[in-house]
Amino acid sequence: MANTYTWKVGQCDRNLSDGMISTLHYTVNAATEDGVYSAGAYGSVGLEAAESDSMIAYDKVTEAQAISWAQAAIGGADKVAEIHAALDNQLTEKRTPTTGTGLPWSA
């Protein structure tokens, strides 16, 4: 089964003077193909200041662009793959648990 991953940016921190985004707060959600199990991760990443001639106006930034910036800033494709692998491991544990919790006297 192939898991699906959904990246979202929930918040952008910016400088009010020029609108430059300095920090992105993101989530990554993974779900099994059948939708039975899901897992998630979140993080924040700082961005390098853009050159003024290449800066996109704050109100023109799309979520897709912000996601690509977040993925690049956390370390690119290798780090994205690590996050996906960690979520895959969480989904595997949910599908086929190796640990459990509870109280033996209240069964």
PDB file of N, CA and C in Angstrom:
ATOM      1  N   MET A   1       0.819  -1.188   0.000  1.00  0.00           N
ATOM      2  CA  MET A   1       0.000   0.000   0.000  1.00  0.00           C
ATOM      3  C   MET A   1       0.863   1.252   0.000  1.00  0.00           C
ATOM      4  N   ALA A   2       0.432   2.226  -0.751  1.00  0.00           N
ATOM      5  CA  ALA A   2       1.143   3.502  -0.801  1.00  0.00           C
ATOM      6  C   ALA A   2       0.491   4.486   0.164  1.00  0.00           C
ATOM      7  N   ASN A   3       1.299   5.078   0.973  1.00  0.00           N
ATOM      8  CA  ASN A   3       0.798   6.109   1.880  1.00  0.00           C
ATOM      9  C   ASN A   3       0.752   7.439   1.139  1.00  0.00           C
ATOM     10  N   THR A   4      -0.137   8.319   1.556  1.00  0.00           N
ATOM     11  CA  THR A   4      -0.205   9.660   0.973  1.00  0.00           C
ATOM     12  C   THR A   4       0.234  10.683   2.021  1.00  0.00           C
ATOM     13  N   TYR A   5       0.852  11.750   1.548  1.00  0.00           N
ATOM     14  CA  TYR A   5       1.394  12.792   2.427  1.00  0.00           C
ATOM     15  C   TYR A   5       0.801  14.132   2.021  1.00  0.00           C
ATOM     16  N   THR A   6       0.366  14.888   3.012  1.00  0.00           N
ATOM     17  CA  THR A   6      -0.185  16.217   2.753  1.00  0.00           C
ATOM     18  C   THR A   6       0.589  17.230   3.578  1.00  0.00           C
ATOM     19  N   TRP A   7       1.223  18.151   2.883  1.00  0.00           N
ATOM     20  CA  TRP A   7       1.956  19.236   3.528  1.00  0.00           C
ATOM     21  C   TRP A   7       1.064  20.468   3.572  1.00  0.00           C
ATOM     22  N   LYS A   8       1.095  21.169   4.692  1.00  0.00           N
ATOM     23  CA  LYS A   8       0.344  22.409   4.869  1.00  0.00           C
ATOM     24  C   LYS A   8       1.232  23.411   5.607  1.00  0.00           C
ATOM     25  N   VAL A   9       1.043  24.671   5.306  1.00  0.00           N
ATOM     26  CA  VAL A   9       1.678  25.734   6.089  1.00  0.00           C
ATOM     27  C   VAL A   9       0.560  26.411   6.858  1.00  0.00           C
ATOM     28  N   GLY A  10       0.647  26.349   8.176  1.00  0.00           N
ATOM     29  CA  GLY A  10      -0.404  26.889   9.032  1.00  0.00           C
ATOM     30  C   GLY A  10      -0.190  28.321   9.444  1.00  0.00           C
ATOM     31  N   GLN A  11       1.055  28.786   9.345  1.00  0.00           N
ATOM     32  CA  GLN A  11       1.335  30.166   9.751  1.00  0.00           C
ATOM     33  C   GLN A  11       2.634  30.631   9.134  1.00  0.00           C
ATOM     34  N   CYS A  12       2.663  31.895   8.767  1.00  0.00           N
ATOM     35  CA  CYS A  12       3.875  32.557   8.274  1.00  0.00           C
ATOM     36  C   CYS A  12       4.173  33.719   9.206  1.00  0.00           C
ATOM     37  N   ASP A  13       5.380  33.760   9.740  1.00  0.00           N
ATOM     38  CA  ASP A  13       5.814  34.920  10.513  1.00  0.00           C
ATOM     39  C   ASP A  13       6.528  35.853   9.537  1.00  0.00           C
ATOM     40  N   ARG A  14       6.236  37.158   9.620  1.00  0.00           N
ATOM     41  CA  ARG A  14       6.818  38.093   8.666  1.00  0.00           C
ATOM     42  C   ARG A  14       7.210  39.392   9.342  1.00  0.00           C
ATOM     43  N   ASN A  15       8.068  40.121   8.660  1.00  0.00           N
ATOM     44  CA  ASN A  15       8.431  41.469   9.067  1.00  0.00           C
ATOM     45  C   ASN A  15       7.354  42.407   8.542  1.00  0.00           C
ATOM     46  N   LEU A  16       6.767  43.198   9.399  1.00  0.00           N
ATOM     47  CA  LEU A  16       5.713  44.112   8.967  1.00  0.00           C
ATOM     48  C   LEU A  16       6.238  45.232   8.075  1.00  0.00           C
ATOM     49  N   SER A  17       7.495  45.589   8.229  1.00  0.00           N
ATOM     50  CA  SER A  17       8.035  46.705   7.449  1.00  0.00           C
ATOM     51  C   SER A  17       8.120  46.388   5.958  1.00  0.00           C
ATOM     52  N   ASP A  18       8.466  45.150   5.604  1.00  0.00           N
ATOM     53  CA  ASP A  18       8.614  44.828   4.183  1.00  0.00           C
ATOM     54  C   ASP A  18       7.818  43.584   3.751  1.00  0.00           C
ATOM     55  N   GLY A  19       7.159  42.913   4.695  1.00  0.00           N
ATOM     56  CA  GLY A  19       6.363  41.735   4.356  1.00  0.00           C
ATOM     57  C   GLY A  19       7.162  40.469   4.155  1.00  0.00           C
ATOM     58  N   MET A  20       8.477  40.519   4.392  1.00  0.00           N
ATOM     59  CA  MET A  20       9.317  39.353   4.175  1.00  0.00           C
ATOM     60  C   MET A  20       8.996  38.269   5.203  1.00  0.00           C
ATOM     61  N   ILE A  21       8.738  37.075   4.717  1.00  0.00           N
ATOM     62  CA  ILE A  21       8.439  35.935   5.593  1.00  0.00           C
ATOM     63  C   ILE A  21       9.748  35.426   6.181  1.00  0.00           C
ATOM     64  N   SER A  22       9.777  35.303   7.497  1.00  0.00           N
ATOM     65  CA  SER A  22      11.001  34.880   8.186  1.00  0.00           C
ATOM     66  C   SER A  22      10.906  33.455   8.714  1.00  0.00           C
ATOM     67  N   THR A  23       9.696  33.001   9.044  1.00  0.00           N
ATOM     68  CA  THR A  23       9.509  31.667   9.604  1.00  0.00           C
ATOM     69  C   THR A  23       8.226  31.058   9.063  1.00  0.00           C
ATOM     70  N   LEU A  24       8.299  29.774   8.719  1.00  0.00           N
ATOM     71  CA  LEU A  24       7.125  29.026   8.286  1.00  0.00           C
ATOM     72  C   LEU A  24       6.846  27.928   9.301  1.00  0.00           C
ATOM     73  N   HIS A  25       5.598  27.767   9.679  1.00  0.00           N
ATOM     74  CA  HIS A  25       5.162  26.708  10.588  1.00  0.00           C
ATOM     75  C   HIS A  25       4.344  25.740   9.727  1.00  0.00           C
ATOM     76  N   TYR A  26       4.791  24.484   9.675  1.00  0.00           N
ATOM     77  CA  TYR A  26       4.190  23.533   8.750  1.00  0.00           C
ATOM     78  C   TYR A  26       3.751  22.253   9.448  1.00  0.00           C
ATOM     79  N   THR A  27       2.850  21.532   8.785  1.00  0.00           N
ATOM     80  CA  THR A  27       2.447  20.198   9.227  1.00  0.00           C
ATOM     81  C   THR A  27       2.572  19.256   8.041  1.00  0.00           C
ATOM     82  N   VAL A  28       2.807  17.995   8.361  1.00  0.00           N
ATOM     83  CA  VAL A  28       2.810  16.939   7.351  1.00  0.00           C
ATOM     84  C   VAL A  28       1.914  15.840   7.885  1.00  0.00           C
ATOM     85  N   ASN A  29       0.900  15.492   7.133  1.00  0.00           N
ATOM     86  CA  ASN A  29       0.011  14.403   7.515  1.00  0.00           C
ATOM     87  C   ASN A  29       0.179  13.262   6.534  1.00  0.00           C
ATOM     88  N   ALA A  30       0.213  12.051   7.071  1.00  0.00           N
ATOM     89  CA  ALA A  30       0.324  10.844   6.252  1.00  0.00           C
ATOM     90  C   ALA A  30      -0.881   9.972   6.540  1.00  0.00           C
ATOM     91  N   ALA A  31      -1.361   9.306   5.516  1.00  0.00           N
ATOM     92  CA  ALA A  31      -2.500   8.403   5.671  1.00  0.00           C
ATOM     93  C   ALA A  31      -2.253   7.163   4.838  1.00  0.00           C
ATOM     94  N   THR A  32      -2.748   6.042   5.349  1.00  0.00           N
ATOM     95  CA  THR A  32      -2.658   4.810   4.572  1.00  0.00           C
ATOM     96  C   THR A  32      -3.609   4.914   3.389  1.00  0.00           C
ATOM     97  N   GLU A  33      -3.348   4.113   2.385  1.00  0.00           N
ATOM     98  CA  GLU A  33      -4.144   4.157   1.157  1.00  0.00           C
ATOM     99  C   GLU A  33      -5.629   3.938   1.420  1.00  0.00           C
ATOM    100  N   ASP A  34      -5.931   3.076   2.389  1.00  0.00           N
ATOM    101  CA  ASP A  34      -7.334   2.796   2.708  1.00  0.00           C
ATOM    102  C   ASP A  34      -7.940   3.824   3.664  1.00  0.00           C
ATOM    103  N   GLY A  35      -7.120   4.782   4.139  1.00  0.00           N
ATOM    104  CA  GLY A  35      -7.603   5.837   5.010  1.00  0.00           C
ATOM    105  C   GLY A  35      -7.869   5.423   6.441  1.00  0.00           C
ATOM    106  N   VAL A  36      -7.506   4.201   6.804  1.00  0.00           N
ATOM    107  CA  VAL A  36      -7.774   3.705   8.152  1.00  0.00           C
ATOM    108  C   VAL A  36      -6.830   4.324   9.186  1.00  0.00           C
ATOM    109  N   TYR A  37      -5.577   4.509   8.840  1.00  0.00           N
ATOM    110  CA  TYR A  37      -4.588   5.011   9.791  1.00  0.00           C
ATOM    111  C   TYR A  37      -3.993   6.316   9.289  1.00  0.00           C
ATOM    112  N   SER A  38      -3.659   7.182  10.243  1.00  0.00           N
ATOM    113  CA  SER A  38      -3.008   8.440   9.897  1.00  0.00           C
ATOM    114  C   SER A  38      -1.965   8.781  10.953  1.00  0.00           C
ATOM    115  N   ALA A  39      -1.021   9.608  10.570  1.00  0.00           N
ATOM    116  CA  ALA A  39       0.034  10.072  11.466  1.00  0.00           C
ATOM    117  C   ALA A  39       0.413  11.478  11.017  1.00  0.00           C
ATOM    118  N   GLY A  40       1.001  12.234  11.924  1.00  0.00           N
ATOM    119  CA  GLY A  40       1.354  13.599  11.565  1.00  0.00           C
ATOM    120  C   GLY A  40       2.626  14.076  12.228  1.00  0.00           C
ATOM    121  N   ALA A  41       3.173  15.119  11.646  1.00  0.00           N
ATOM    122  CA  ALA A  41       4.367  15.771  12.183  1.00  0.00           C
ATOM    123  C   ALA A  41       4.204  17.270  11.946  1.00  0.00           C
ATOM    124  N   TYR A  42       4.902  18.052  12.740  1.00  0.00           N
ATOM    125  CA  TYR A  42       4.872  19.496  12.554  1.00  0.00           C
ATOM    126  C   TYR A  42       6.233  20.073  12.861  1.00  0.00           C
ATOM    127  N   GLY A  43       6.457  21.254  12.362  1.00  0.00           N
ATOM    128  CA  GLY A  43       7.725  21.919  12.622  1.00  0.00           C
ATOM    129  C   GLY A  43       7.678  23.367  12.198  1.00  0.00           C
ATOM    130  N   SER A  44       8.755  24.051  12.485  1.00  0.00           N
ATOM    131  CA  SER A  44       8.944  25.440  12.084  1.00  0.00           C
ATOM    132  C   SER A  44      10.333  25.553  11.481  1.00  0.00           C
ATOM    133  N   VAL A  45      10.441  26.409  10.498  1.00  0.00           N
ATOM    134  CA  VAL A  45      11.742  26.586   9.865  1.00  0.00           C
ATOM    135  C   VAL A  45      11.926  28.055   9.513  1.00  0.00           C
ATOM    136  N   GLY A  46      13.127  28.550   9.784  1.00  0.00           N
ATOM    137  CA  GLY A  46      13.460  29.925   9.429  1.00  0.00           C
ATOM    138  C   GLY A  46      13.890  30.007   7.979  1.00  0.00           C
ATOM    139  N   LEU A  47      13.600  31.123   7.353  1.00  0.00           N
ATOM    140  CA  LEU A  47      13.975  31.337   5.956  1.00  0.00           C
ATOM    141  C   LEU A  47      15.079  32.374   5.858  1.00  0.00           C
ATOM    142  N   GLU A  48      15.939  32.183   4.885  1.00  0.00           N
ATOM    143  CA  GLU A  48      16.957  33.187   4.574  1.00  0.00           C
ATOM    144  C   GLU A  48      16.249  34.395   3.968  1.00  0.00           C
ATOM    145  N   ALA A  49      16.765  35.560   4.211  1.00  0.00           N
ATOM    146  CA  ALA A  49      16.180  36.775   3.632  1.00  0.00           C
ATOM    147  C   ALA A  49      16.320  36.736   2.112  1.00  0.00           C
ATOM    148  N   ALA A  50      15.254  37.071   1.425  1.00  0.00           N
ATOM    149  CA  ALA A  50      15.266  37.097  -0.037  1.00  0.00           C
ATOM    150  C   ALA A  50      15.900  38.393  -0.521  1.00  0.00           C
ATOM    151  N   GLU A  51      16.482  38.338  -1.701  1.00  0.00           N
ATOM    152  CA  GLU A  51      16.967  39.560  -2.344  1.00  0.00           C
ATOM    153  C   GLU A  51      15.745  40.400  -2.696  1.00  0.00           C
ATOM    154  N   SER A  52      15.828  41.689  -2.525  1.00  0.00           N
ATOM    155  CA  SER A  52      14.655  42.552  -2.732  1.00  0.00           C
ATOM    156  C   SER A  52      14.110  42.454  -4.159  1.00  0.00           C
ATOM    157  N   ASP A  53      14.971  42.219  -5.150  1.00  0.00           N
ATOM    158  CA  ASP A  53      14.486  42.148  -6.527  1.00  0.00           C
ATOM    159  C   ASP A  53      13.807  40.816  -6.854  1.00  0.00           C
ATOM    160  N   SER A  54      14.006  39.791  -6.007  1.00  0.00           N
ATOM    161  CA  SER A  54      13.366  38.498  -6.257  1.00  0.00           C
ATOM    162  C   SER A  54      12.273  38.175  -5.231  1.00  0.00           C
ATOM    163  N   MET A  55      12.039  39.101  -4.302  1.00  0.00           N
ATOM    164  CA  MET A  55      11.053  38.854  -3.255  1.00  0.00           C
ATOM    165  C   MET A  55       9.635  38.891  -3.819  1.00  0.00           C
ATOM    166  N   ILE A  56       8.825  37.939  -3.389  1.00  0.00           N
ATOM    167  CA  ILE A  56       7.420  37.906  -3.765  1.00  0.00           C
ATOM    168  C   ILE A  56       6.648  38.658  -2.688  1.00  0.00           C
ATOM    169  N   ALA A  57       5.776  39.540  -3.103  1.00  0.00           N
ATOM    170  CA  ALA A  57       4.975  40.307  -2.145  1.00  0.00           C
ATOM    171  C   ALA A  57       4.193  39.353  -1.257  1.00  0.00           C
ATOM    172  N   TYR A  58       4.099  39.683   0.026  1.00  0.00           N
ATOM    173  CA  TYR A  58       3.456  38.811   1.010  1.00  0.00           C
ATOM    174  C   TYR A  58       2.080  38.350   0.549  1.00  0.00           C
ATOM    175  N   ASP A  59       1.278  39.251   0.030  1.00  0.00           N
ATOM    176  CA  ASP A  59      -0.084  38.889  -0.361  1.00  0.00           C
ATOM    177  C   ASP A  59      -0.144  38.120  -1.684  1.00  0.00           C
ATOM    178  N   LYS A  60       0.995  37.887  -2.311  1.00  0.00           N
ATOM    179  CA  LYS A  60       1.054  37.115  -3.553  1.00  0.00           C
ATOM    180  C   LYS A  60       1.645  35.714  -3.340  1.00  0.00           C
ATOM    181  N   VAL A  61       2.135  35.429  -2.132  1.00  0.00           N
ATOM    182  CA  VAL A  61       2.712  34.108  -1.839  1.00  0.00           C
ATOM    183  C   VAL A  61       1.591  33.086  -1.772  1.00  0.00           C
ATOM    184  N   THR A  62       1.765  31.965  -2.461  1.00  0.00           N
ATOM    185  CA  THR A  62       0.785  30.882  -2.408  1.00  0.00           C
ATOM    186  C   THR A  62       1.228  29.836  -1.398  1.00  0.00           C
ATOM    187  N   GLU A  63       0.267  29.004  -0.974  1.00  0.00           N
ATOM    188  CA  GLU A  63       0.640  27.934  -0.049  1.00  0.00           C
ATOM    189  C   GLU A  63       1.622  26.973  -0.714  1.00  0.00           C
ATOM    190  N   ALA A  64       1.430  26.697  -1.997  1.00  0.00           N
ATOM    191  CA  ALA A  64       2.356  25.803  -2.705  1.00  0.00           C
ATOM    192  C   ALA A  64       3.774  26.362  -2.669  1.00  0.00           C
ATOM    193  N   GLN A  65       3.925  27.669  -2.859  1.00  0.00           N
ATOM    194  CA  GLN A  65       5.249  28.289  -2.802  1.00  0.00           C
ATOM    195  C   GLN A  65       5.822  28.187  -1.396  1.00  0.00           C
ATOM    196  N   ALA A  66       5.005  28.469  -0.383  1.00  0.00           N
ATOM    197  CA  ALA A  66       5.475  28.392   1.003  1.00  0.00           C
ATOM    198  C   ALA A  66       5.895  26.968   1.356  1.00  0.00           C
ATOM    199  N   ILE A  67       5.150  25.972   0.886  1.00  0.00           N
ATOM    200  CA  ILE A  67       5.522  24.574   1.132  1.00  0.00           C
ATOM    201  C   ILE A  67       6.865  24.270   0.493  1.00  0.00           C
ATOM    202  N   SER A  68       7.059  24.718  -0.738  1.00  0.00           N
ATOM    203  CA  SER A  68       8.342  24.448  -1.399  1.00  0.00           C
ATOM    204  C   SER A  68       9.488  25.137  -0.665  1.00  0.00           C
ATOM    205  N   TRP A  69       9.252  26.355  -0.144  1.00  0.00           N
ATOM    206  CA  TRP A  69      10.283  27.034   0.645  1.00  0.00           C
ATOM    207  C   TRP A  69      10.579  26.264   1.927  1.00  0.00           C
ATOM    208  N   ALA A  70       9.531  25.796   2.601  1.00  0.00           N
ATOM    209  CA  ALA A  70       9.731  25.043   3.847  1.00  0.00           C
ATOM    210  C   ALA A  70      10.528  23.774   3.576  1.00  0.00           C
ATOM    211  N   GLN A  71      10.163  23.043   2.528  1.00  0.00           N
ATOM    212  CA  GLN A  71      10.866  21.800   2.213  1.00  0.00           C
ATOM    213  C   GLN A  71      12.332  22.057   1.863  1.00  0.00           C
ATOM    214  N   ALA A  72      12.587  23.119   1.123  1.00  0.00           N
ATOM    215  CA  ALA A  72      13.970  23.461   0.784  1.00  0.00           C
ATOM    216  C   ALA A  72      14.745  23.870   2.036  1.00  0.00           C
ATOM    217  N   ALA A  73      14.117  24.656   2.903  1.00  0.00           N
ATOM    218  CA  ALA A  73      14.798  25.167   4.094  1.00  0.00           C
ATOM    219  C   ALA A  73      15.107  24.073   5.115  1.00  0.00           C
ATOM    220  N   ILE A  74      14.278  23.015   5.170  1.00  0.00           N
ATOM    221  CA  ILE A  74      14.563  21.950   6.140  1.00  0.00           C
ATOM    222  C   ILE A  74      15.634  20.994   5.652  1.00  0.00           C
ATOM    223  N   GLY A  75      16.021  21.090   4.392  1.00  0.00           N
ATOM    224  CA  GLY A  75      17.099  20.238   3.901  1.00  0.00           C
ATOM    225  C   GLY A  75      16.803  19.563   2.571  1.00  0.00           C
ATOM    226  N   GLY A  76      15.747  19.970   1.918  1.00  0.00           N
ATOM    227  CA  GLY A  76      15.463  19.454   0.586  1.00  0.00           C
ATOM    228  C   GLY A  76      14.871  18.064   0.571  1.00  0.00           C
ATOM    229  N   ALA A  77      15.021  17.408  -0.568  1.00  0.00           N
ATOM    230  CA  ALA A  77      14.382  16.110  -0.814  1.00  0.00           C
ATOM    231  C   ALA A  77      14.815  15.035   0.184  1.00  0.00           C
ATOM    232  N   ASP A  78      16.073  15.058   0.604  1.00  0.00           N
ATOM    233  CA  ASP A  78      16.538  14.043   1.563  1.00  0.00           C
ATOM    234  C   ASP A  78      15.809  14.161   2.898  1.00  0.00           C
ATOM    235  N   LYS A  79      15.650  15.385   3.402  1.00  0.00           N
ATOM    236  CA  LYS A  79      14.965  15.583   4.678  1.00  0.00           C
ATOM    237  C   LYS A  79      13.475  15.296   4.541  1.00  0.00           C
ATOM    238  N   VAL A  80      12.873  15.674   3.412  1.00  0.00           N
ATOM    239  CA  VAL A  80      11.464  15.355   3.168  1.00  0.00           C
ATOM    240  C   VAL A  80      11.280  13.836   3.191  1.00  0.00           C
ATOM    241  N   ALA A  81      12.188  13.107   2.551  1.00  0.00           N
ATOM    242  CA  ALA A  81      12.122  11.640   2.543  1.00  0.00           C
ATOM    243  C   ALA A  81      12.261  11.079   3.955  1.00  0.00           C
ATOM    244  N   GLU A  82      13.117  11.676   4.787  1.00  0.00           N
ATOM    245  CA  GLU A  82      13.264  11.232   6.181  1.00  0.00           C
ATOM    246  C   GLU A  82      11.962  11.428   6.957  1.00  0.00           C
ATOM    247  N   ILE A  83      11.312  12.561   6.757  1.00  0.00           N
ATOM    248  CA  ILE A  83      10.038  12.829   7.437  1.00  0.00           C
ATOM    249  C   ILE A  83       8.988  11.818   6.989  1.00  0.00           C
ATOM    250  N   HIS A  84       8.917  11.574   5.687  1.00  0.00           N
ATOM    251  CA  HIS A  84       7.962  10.598   5.169  1.00  0.00           C
ATOM    252  C   HIS A  84       8.255   9.199   5.724  1.00  0.00           C
ATOM    253  N   ALA A  85       9.532   8.832   5.813  1.00  0.00           N
ATOM    254  CA  ALA A  85       9.903   7.519   6.356  1.00  0.00           C
ATOM    255  C   ALA A  85       9.503   7.400   7.824  1.00  0.00           C
ATOM    256  N   ALA A  86       9.694   8.463   8.595  1.00  0.00           N
ATOM    257  CA  ALA A  86       9.301   8.439  10.008  1.00  0.00           C
ATOM    258  C   ALA A  86       7.785   8.284  10.134  1.00  0.00           C
ATOM    259  N   LEU A  87       7.032   8.958   9.278  1.00  0.00           N
ATOM    260  CA  LEU A  87       5.574   8.821   9.297  1.00  0.00           C
ATOM    261  C   LEU A  87       5.163   7.415   8.853  1.00  0.00           C
ATOM    262  N   ASP A  88       5.876   6.869   7.877  1.00  0.00           N
ATOM    263  CA  ASP A  88       5.616   5.482   7.453  1.00  0.00           C
ATOM    264  C   ASP A  88       5.792   4.523   8.635  1.00  0.00           C
ATOM    265  N   ASN A  89       6.842   4.743   9.422  1.00  0.00           N
ATOM    266  CA  ASN A  89       7.083   3.889  10.595  1.00  0.00           C
ATOM    267  C   ASN A  89       5.944   4.009  11.602  1.00  0.00           C
ATOM    268  N   GLN A  90       5.432   5.225  11.802  1.00  0.00           N
ATOM    269  CA  GLN A  90       4.294   5.402  12.715  1.00  0.00           C
ATOM    270  C   GLN A  90       3.067   4.658  12.195  1.00  0.00           C
ATOM    271  N   LEU A  91       2.840   4.727  10.890  1.00  0.00           N
ATOM    272  CA  LEU A  91       1.688   4.040  10.305  1.00  0.00           C
ATOM    273  C   LEU A  91       1.830   2.524  10.413  1.00  0.00           C
ATOM    274  N   THR A  92       3.042   2.032  10.216  1.00  0.00           N
ATOM    275  CA  THR A  92       3.293   0.593  10.357  1.00  0.00           C
ATOM    276  C   THR A  92       3.012   0.148  11.786  1.00  0.00           C
ATOM    277  N   GLU A  93       3.442   0.929  12.750  1.00  0.00           N
ATOM    278  CA  GLU A  93       3.205   0.603  14.162  1.00  0.00           C
ATOM    279  C   GLU A  93       1.714   0.609  14.469  1.00  0.00           C
ATOM    280  N   LYS A  94       0.980   1.506  13.876  1.00  0.00           N
ATOM    281  CA  LYS A  94      -0.472   1.529  14.096  1.00  0.00           C
ATOM    282  C   LYS A  94      -1.148   0.313  13.458  1.00  0.00           C
ATOM    283  N   ARG A  95      -0.679  -0.073  12.262  1.00  0.00           N
ATOM    284  CA  ARG A  95      -1.242  -1.233  11.565  1.00  0.00           C
ATOM    285  C   ARG A  95      -0.953  -2.535  12.299  1.00  0.00           C
ATOM    286  N   THR A  96       0.291  -2.658  12.746  1.00  0.00           N
ATOM    287  CA  THR A  96       0.743  -3.887  13.399  1.00  0.00           C
ATOM    288  C   THR A  96       1.512  -3.515  14.666  1.00  0.00           C
ATOM    289  N   PRO A  97       0.799  -3.197  15.739  1.00  0.00           N
ATOM    290  CA  PRO A  97       1.437  -2.710  16.967  1.00  0.00           C
ATOM    291  C   PRO A  97       2.415  -3.720  17.564  1.00  0.00           C
ATOM    292  N   THR A  98       3.492  -3.176  18.108  1.00  0.00           N
ATOM    293  CA  THR A  98       4.480  -4.001  18.808  1.00  0.00           C
ATOM    294  C   THR A  98       4.503  -3.703  20.299  1.00  0.00           C
ATOM    295  N   THR A  99       3.761  -2.682  20.720  1.00  0.00           N
ATOM    296  CA  THR A  99       3.666  -2.330  22.138  1.00  0.00           C
ATOM    297  C   THR A  99       2.208  -2.058  22.474  1.00  0.00           C
ATOM    298  N   GLY A 100       1.905  -2.081  23.746  1.00  0.00           N
ATOM    299  CA  GLY A 100       0.553  -1.815  24.199  1.00  0.00           C
ATOM    300  C   GLY A 100       0.571  -1.124  25.548  1.00  0.00           C
ATOM    301  N   THR A 101      -0.571  -0.626  25.966  1.00  0.00           N
ATOM    302  CA  THR A 101      -0.697   0.036  27.264  1.00  0.00           C
ATOM    303  C   THR A 101      -1.947  -0.491  27.963  1.00  0.00           C
ATOM    304  N   GLY A 102      -2.048  -0.188  29.210  1.00  0.00           N
ATOM    305  CA  GLY A 102      -3.217  -0.593  29.958  1.00  0.00           C
ATOM    306  C   GLY A 102      -2.879  -0.950  31.396  1.00  0.00           C
ATOM    307  N   LEU A 103      -3.853  -1.473  32.098  1.00  0.00           N
ATOM    308  CA  LEU A 103      -3.676  -1.900  33.477  1.00  0.00           C
ATOM    309  C   LEU A 103      -4.086  -3.381  33.554  1.00  0.00           C
ATOM    310  N   PRO A 104      -3.174  -4.242  33.958  1.00  0.00           N
ATOM    311  CA  PRO A 104      -3.469  -5.662  33.943  1.00  0.00           C
ATOM    312  C   PRO A 104      -4.609  -6.051  34.898  1.00  0.00           C
ATOM    313  N   TRP A 105      -4.863  -5.255  35.911  1.00  0.00           N
ATOM    314  CA  TRP A 105      -5.911  -5.616  36.889  1.00  0.00           C
ATOM    315  C   TRP A 105      -7.294  -5.115  36.476  1.00  0.00           C
ATOM    316  N   SER A 106      -7.408  -4.415  35.344  1.00  0.00           N
ATOM    317  CA  SER A 106      -8.724  -3.934  34.960  1.00  0.00           C
ATOM    318  C   SER A 106      -9.171  -4.522  33.611  1.00  0.00           C
ATOM    319  N   ALA A 107      -8.758  -5.733  33.360  1.00  0.00           N
ATOM    320  CA  ALA A 107      -9.105  -6.376  32.082  1.00  0.00           C
ATOM    321  C   ALA A 107     -10.535  -6.855  32.051  1.00  0.00           C
TER     322      ALA A 107
END
